[in-house]
Amino acid sequence: MTTRSDAELSRDVARQAGRLLLELRESFGPVSDKEAANALRKHADRTSHELIMELLGSARPGDAILSEEGKDDASRLTAQRVWIVDPLDGTYEYGQGRSDFAVHIALWQPAGAVLSATTVDLPAQGLTRSVLDTADAPGPLPSDRPLRIVASRSRPPASLPLAVEILGRRLAEAGITDHGVEIIDVGSVGAKVNELISGRAEAYVHDTGFYEWDVAAPYGVALHYGLVPAHVDGSPVLFNAMPPYVTDLVVSHPSLVGPLRESLQEAASS
């Protein structure tokens, strides 16, 4: 019997959970009011979590699992392998019938600070981003449109508009682009990173804090695709902390890392 690799397991489980989320939303019927939408979100979150826990627990019984919908257990802090899971990232968008929600699965190995087996499944887009994908280096920055920075719809960085203004000026002075920079909003963190992978945006910025399950899988997938994920100050994001909180994140096209970081720092200090 062939044993699936961690990466294969991650991809397969994420896809199975993604299919379940689509089936649940379809079977739930029309969502006509806020109460119904919230009921759908709650049920989908819980059901996806239970499926992922069952599948990962059965395949890797000795591993710890940190899931948004599960009860946190401090024993994970001494575990050699920790799966970091978001059964439904972009819950709000899911309840709206949108496509920018995702399933996140990643494996963290604390001994070497290794993030691996990362998968972002975007079931409503029919797309899975995984470390099993063949990934070419990002292409050049676009020359026929504004550069795009993705931000949270509900919690965008307060200083981002000023940073965009500063960045646009820097890039124009350097002759990189004269189309400027614009901000777009997308739901799930996984869906945001997919905008960069797909070439529809060049950076993602978030500085109001979120959790490891929001970040881990998109972070690993971004790395695999040649993007540059880090804290705003450039330091790497580490995982399996207590509490599992991540203060900020920037994911960038490699050609934009320096100017973007400088612009964010200048805007934040103004």
Protein backbone atom coordinates (compact mmCIF):
# COMPACT_ATOMS: atom_id res chain seq x y z
CA MET A 1 0.00 0.00 0.00
CA THR A 2 1.44 3.36 -1.04
CA THR A 3 1.51 6.00 1.68
CA ARG A 4 0.64 9.50 0.55
CA SER A 5 3.24 12.18 1.14
CA ASP A 6 2.36 15.03 3.49
CA ALA A 7 1.90 17.33 0.49
CA GLU A 8 -0.43 14.86 -1.23
CA LEU A 9 -2.40 14.40 1.97
CA SER A 10 -2.71 18.17 2.44
CA ARG A 11 -3.92 18.70 -1.12
CA ASP A 12 -6.37 15.79 -1.06
CA VAL A 13 -7.90 16.74 2.30
CA ALA A 14 -8.24 20.40 1.31
CA ARG A 15 -9.96 19.46 -1.93
CA GLN A 16 -12.33 17.09 -0.15
CA ALA A 17 -13.24 19.80 2.36
CA GLY A 18 -13.68 22.28 -0.49
CA ARG A 19 -16.11 20.00 -2.29
CA LEU A 20 -18.03 19.56 0.95
CA LEU A 21 -18.33 23.33 1.38
CA LEU A 22 -19.77 23.73 -2.11
CA GLU A 23 -22.24 20.89 -1.54
CA LEU A 24 -23.35 22.36 1.77
CA ARG A 25 -23.93 25.79 0.28
CA GLU A 26 -25.87 24.37 -2.64
CA SER A 27 -28.02 22.14 -0.44
CA PHE A 28 -28.72 24.97 1.99
CA GLY A 29 -30.74 26.78 -0.66
CA PRO A 30 -31.23 30.52 -1.09
CA VAL A 31 -29.86 32.67 1.74
CA SER A 32 -32.41 35.41 2.07
CA ASP A 33 -31.38 37.15 5.28
CA LYS A 34 -28.51 37.67 7.71
CA GLU A 35 -29.72 35.01 10.12
CA ALA A 36 -29.81 32.34 7.41
CA ALA A 37 -26.38 33.35 6.10
CA ASN A 38 -24.88 33.12 9.58
CA ALA A 39 -26.45 29.70 10.12
CA LEU A 40 -24.90 28.49 6.86
CA ARG A 41 -21.49 29.88 7.80
CA LYS A 42 -21.54 28.28 11.25
CA HIS A 43 -22.65 24.90 9.94
CA ALA A 44 -20.11 24.90 7.10
CA ASP A 45 -17.22 25.92 9.36
CA ARG A 46 -17.99 23.17 11.84
CA THR A 47 -18.65 20.44 9.26
CA SER A 48 -15.48 21.20 7.30
CA HIS A 49 -13.47 21.21 10.53
CA GLU A 50 -14.84 17.81 11.55
CA LEU A 51 -14.01 16.31 8.16
CA ILE A 52 -10.44 17.66 8.18
CA MET A 53 -9.84 16.50 11.75
CA GLU A 54 -11.08 13.02 10.86
CA LEU A 55 -8.98 12.73 7.69
CA LEU A 56 -5.75 14.17 9.09
CA GLY A 57 -6.17 12.36 12.40
CA SER A 58 -6.63 9.05 10.64
CA ALA A 59 -3.70 9.51 8.24
CA ARG A 60 -1.25 11.08 10.75
CA PRO A 61 -2.47 10.03 14.22
CA GLY A 62 0.68 11.22 16.00
CA ASP A 63 0.52 14.79 14.74
CA ALA A 64 -0.99 17.80 16.51
CA ILE A 65 -3.64 19.89 14.76
CA LEU A 66 -4.31 23.58 15.28
CA SER A 67 -7.64 24.48 13.69
CA GLU A 68 -9.62 27.68 13.86
CA GLU A 69 -12.72 25.70 14.83
CA GLY A 70 -11.00 23.39 17.32
CA LYS A 71 -10.12 23.76 20.98
CA ASP A 72 -6.51 24.83 21.31
CA ASP A 73 -4.25 22.47 23.23
CA ALA A 74 -0.91 23.59 24.67
CA SER A 75 0.53 20.13 23.98
CA ARG A 76 1.07 21.27 20.38
CA LEU A 77 3.90 23.48 21.64
CA THR A 78 6.07 20.39 22.21
CA ALA A 79 4.85 18.42 19.19
CA GLN A 80 7.28 17.63 16.36
CA ARG A 81 4.63 18.15 13.69
CA VAL A 82 1.67 20.54 13.80
CA TRP A 83 -0.98 20.84 11.09
CA ILE A 84 -2.35 24.39 10.92
CA VAL A 85 -5.83 24.42 9.44
CA ASP A 86 -8.53 26.88 8.49
CA PRO A 87 -11.58 24.83 7.47
CA LEU A 88 -13.23 27.88 5.89
CA ASP A 89 -11.27 31.08 5.39
CA GLY A 90 -13.44 33.88 4.06
CA THR A 91 -16.50 32.77 6.00
CA TYR A 92 -18.31 36.03 5.33
CA GLU A 93 -17.80 35.75 1.58
CA TYR A 94 -18.90 32.11 1.65
CA GLY A 95 -22.22 33.14 3.22
CA GLN A 96 -22.67 35.80 0.55
CA GLY A 97 -22.42 33.23 -2.23
CA ARG A 98 -19.06 34.62 -3.37
CA SER A 99 -16.10 32.65 -4.74
CA ASP A 100 -13.27 34.26 -2.70
CA PHE A 101 -13.23 31.77 0.17
CA ALA A 102 -10.75 28.95 0.75
CA VAL A 103 -9.63 25.92 2.71
CA HIS A 104 -6.13 26.24 4.22
CA ILE A 105 -3.93 23.32 5.28
CA ALA A 106 -0.23 23.51 6.21
CA LEU A 107 2.29 21.47 8.19
CA TRP A 108 4.69 23.16 10.61
CA GLN A 109 7.75 21.33 11.96
CA PRO A 110 9.12 23.42 14.84
CA ALA A 111 12.55 21.75 15.06
CA GLY A 112 13.69 23.28 11.80
CA ALA A 113 11.08 26.06 11.60
CA VAL A 114 9.88 24.33 8.44
CA LEU A 115 6.51 25.12 6.85
CA SER A 116 5.57 22.46 4.34
CA ALA A 117 2.72 20.53 2.73
CA THR A 118 0.86 23.79 2.17
CA THR A 119 -2.41 23.91 0.25
CA VAL A 120 -4.93 26.63 -0.49
CA ASP A 121 -8.05 25.21 -2.08
CA LEU A 122 -10.43 27.66 -3.77
CA PRO A 123 -13.40 25.37 -4.44
CA ALA A 124 -15.76 27.93 -5.96
CA GLN A 125 -13.00 28.90 -8.41
CA GLY A 126 -12.20 25.27 -9.26
CA LEU A 127 -8.60 25.90 -8.27
CA THR A 128 -6.07 24.40 -5.85
CA ARG A 129 -2.73 26.02 -5.07
CA SER A 130 -0.25 23.53 -3.62
CA VAL A 131 3.45 22.92 -3.18
CA LEU A 132 2.92 20.01 -5.58
CA ASP A 133 2.30 22.50 -8.41
CA THR A 134 4.93 23.27 -10.98
CA ALA A 135 5.62 26.94 -10.30
CA ASP A 136 7.53 29.29 -12.58
CA ALA A 137 9.15 32.45 -11.26
CA PRO A 138 6.84 35.48 -11.28
CA GLY A 139 6.89 37.42 -14.54
CA PRO A 140 7.87 41.08 -14.83
CA LEU A 141 5.76 43.79 -13.24
CA PRO A 142 2.90 44.79 -15.56
CA SER A 143 3.50 47.79 -17.79
CA ASP A 144 -0.03 48.23 -19.16
CA ARG A 145 -2.04 48.84 -15.97
CA PRO A 146 -1.66 50.18 -12.43
CA LEU A 147 0.11 47.95 -9.94
CA ARG A 148 -2.38 46.45 -7.50
CA ILE A 149 -2.17 45.92 -3.77
CA VAL A 150 -4.73 43.59 -2.23
CA ALA A 151 -6.10 44.47 1.20
CA SER A 152 -8.83 43.34 3.54
CA ARG A 153 -12.30 44.54 2.68
CA SER A 154 -13.21 45.08 6.34
CA ARG A 155 -9.82 45.90 7.94
CA PRO A 156 -7.45 47.55 5.48
CA PRO A 157 -4.30 49.17 6.90
CA ALA A 158 -5.07 52.75 7.92
CA SER A 159 -1.87 54.06 6.35
CA LEU A 160 -2.20 52.07 3.11
CA PRO A 161 -3.65 54.90 0.97
CA LEU A 162 -0.66 57.10 1.88
CA ALA A 163 1.75 54.19 1.29
CA VAL A 164 0.21 53.64 -2.16
CA GLU A 165 0.68 57.32 -2.98
CA ILE A 166 4.33 57.19 -1.86
CA LEU A 167 4.95 53.92 -3.71
CA GLY A 168 3.44 55.24 -6.92
CA ARG A 169 5.72 58.26 -6.76
CA ARG A 170 8.80 56.12 -6.08
CA LEU A 171 8.03 53.78 -8.97
CA ALA A 172 7.40 56.63 -11.38
CA GLU A 173 10.68 58.30 -10.41
CA ALA A 174 12.50 54.99 -10.97
CA GLY A 175 10.85 54.57 -14.37
CA ILE A 176 9.18 51.30 -13.31
CA THR A 177 5.61 52.37 -14.05
CA ASP A 178 3.69 55.54 -14.82
CA HIS A 179 0.28 53.88 -14.30
CA GLY A 180 0.32 54.33 -10.54
CA VAL A 181 -0.80 51.93 -7.81
CA GLU A 182 -4.33 51.00 -6.79
CA ILE A 183 -5.92 49.08 -3.89
CA ILE A 184 -8.32 46.18 -4.45
CA ASP A 185 -10.19 44.13 -1.86
CA VAL A 186 -10.62 40.36 -1.81
CA GLY A 187 -11.97 38.00 0.86
CA SER A 188 -9.93 35.05 2.12
CA VAL A 189 -6.18 35.39 2.68
CA GLY A 190 -5.76 32.40 0.39
CA ALA A 191 -7.83 34.12 -2.29
CA LYS A 192 -5.75 37.29 -1.85
CA VAL A 193 -2.48 35.42 -2.39
CA ASN A 194 -4.03 33.71 -5.40
CA GLU A 195 -4.55 37.14 -6.98
CA LEU A 196 -0.77 37.58 -6.88
CA ILE A 197 -0.08 34.08 -8.18
CA SER A 198 -2.55 34.65 -11.02
CA GLY A 199 -0.85 37.91 -12.01
CA ARG A 200 -3.85 40.10 -11.20
CA ALA A 201 -2.11 41.88 -8.30
CA GLU A 202 1.45 42.46 -7.12
CA ALA A 203 1.23 42.67 -3.32
CA TYR A 204 -0.92 41.96 -0.29
CA VAL A 205 -0.68 44.03 2.88
CA HIS A 206 -2.29 43.44 6.29
CA ASP A 207 -1.27 45.11 9.55
CA THR A 208 -4.21 44.72 11.95
CA GLY A 209 -3.44 41.18 13.10
CA PHE A 210 -4.98 37.79 12.46
CA TYR A 211 -4.28 34.13 13.27
CA GLU A 212 -1.89 31.42 12.16
CA TRP A 213 -4.63 29.47 10.40
CA ASP A 214 -5.30 32.54 8.25
CA VAL A 215 -1.63 32.82 7.28
CA ALA A 216 0.22 29.48 7.25
CA ALA A 217 -1.03 27.85 4.05
CA PRO A 218 -1.09 31.08 1.96
CA TYR A 219 2.40 31.90 3.25
CA GLY A 220 3.81 28.54 2.15
CA VAL A 221 2.07 28.63 -1.20
CA ALA A 222 3.35 32.17 -1.82
CA LEU A 223 6.91 31.02 -1.15
CA HIS A 224 6.47 28.09 -3.52
CA TYR A 225 5.33 30.40 -6.31
CA GLY A 226 8.33 32.71 -5.93
CA LEU A 227 6.59 35.50 -4.05
CA VAL A 228 8.10 37.09 -0.94
CA PRO A 229 6.02 36.75 2.25
CA ALA A 230 7.23 38.30 5.52
CA HIS A 231 6.32 40.65 8.33
CA VAL A 232 6.19 44.33 7.39
CA ASP A 233 9.75 44.75 8.72
CA GLY A 234 11.00 41.92 6.52
CA SER A 235 11.41 39.28 9.24
CA PRO A 236 9.96 35.81 8.57
CA VAL A 237 6.65 34.73 10.09
CA LEU A 238 7.07 31.85 12.56
CA PHE A 239 4.27 29.54 13.61
CA ASN A 240 2.96 27.43 16.51
CA ALA A 241 3.02 30.25 19.05
CA MET A 242 0.75 30.62 22.06
CA PRO A 243 -1.53 32.37 21.35
CA PRO A 244 -1.38 31.60 17.60
CA TYR A 245 -1.45 35.27 16.60
CA VAL A 246 0.27 36.94 13.63
CA THR A 247 0.65 40.72 13.92
CA ASP A 248 1.09 41.63 10.26
CA LEU A 249 1.93 40.28 6.83
CA VAL A 250 3.18 41.51 3.47
CA VAL A 251 3.28 39.26 0.41
CA SER A 252 4.98 40.83 -2.56
CA HIS A 253 6.18 40.32 -6.09
CA PRO A 254 9.98 40.06 -5.70
CA SER A 255 10.61 43.16 -7.82
CA LEU A 256 8.45 45.25 -5.50
CA VAL A 257 9.76 44.17 -2.09
CA GLY A 258 12.17 47.06 -1.39
CA PRO A 259 10.06 49.99 -2.62
CA LEU A 260 6.92 48.59 -0.99
CA ARG A 261 8.53 48.03 2.39
CA GLU A 262 10.08 51.51 2.36
CA SER A 263 6.77 53.09 1.37
CA LEU A 264 4.86 51.25 4.11
CA GLN A 265 7.39 52.32 6.74
CA GLU A 266 7.38 55.94 5.58
CA ALA A 267 3.56 56.06 5.57
CA ALA A 268 3.34 54.48 9.02
CA SER A 269 5.74 57.07 10.49
CA SER A 270 3.99 60.08 8.93
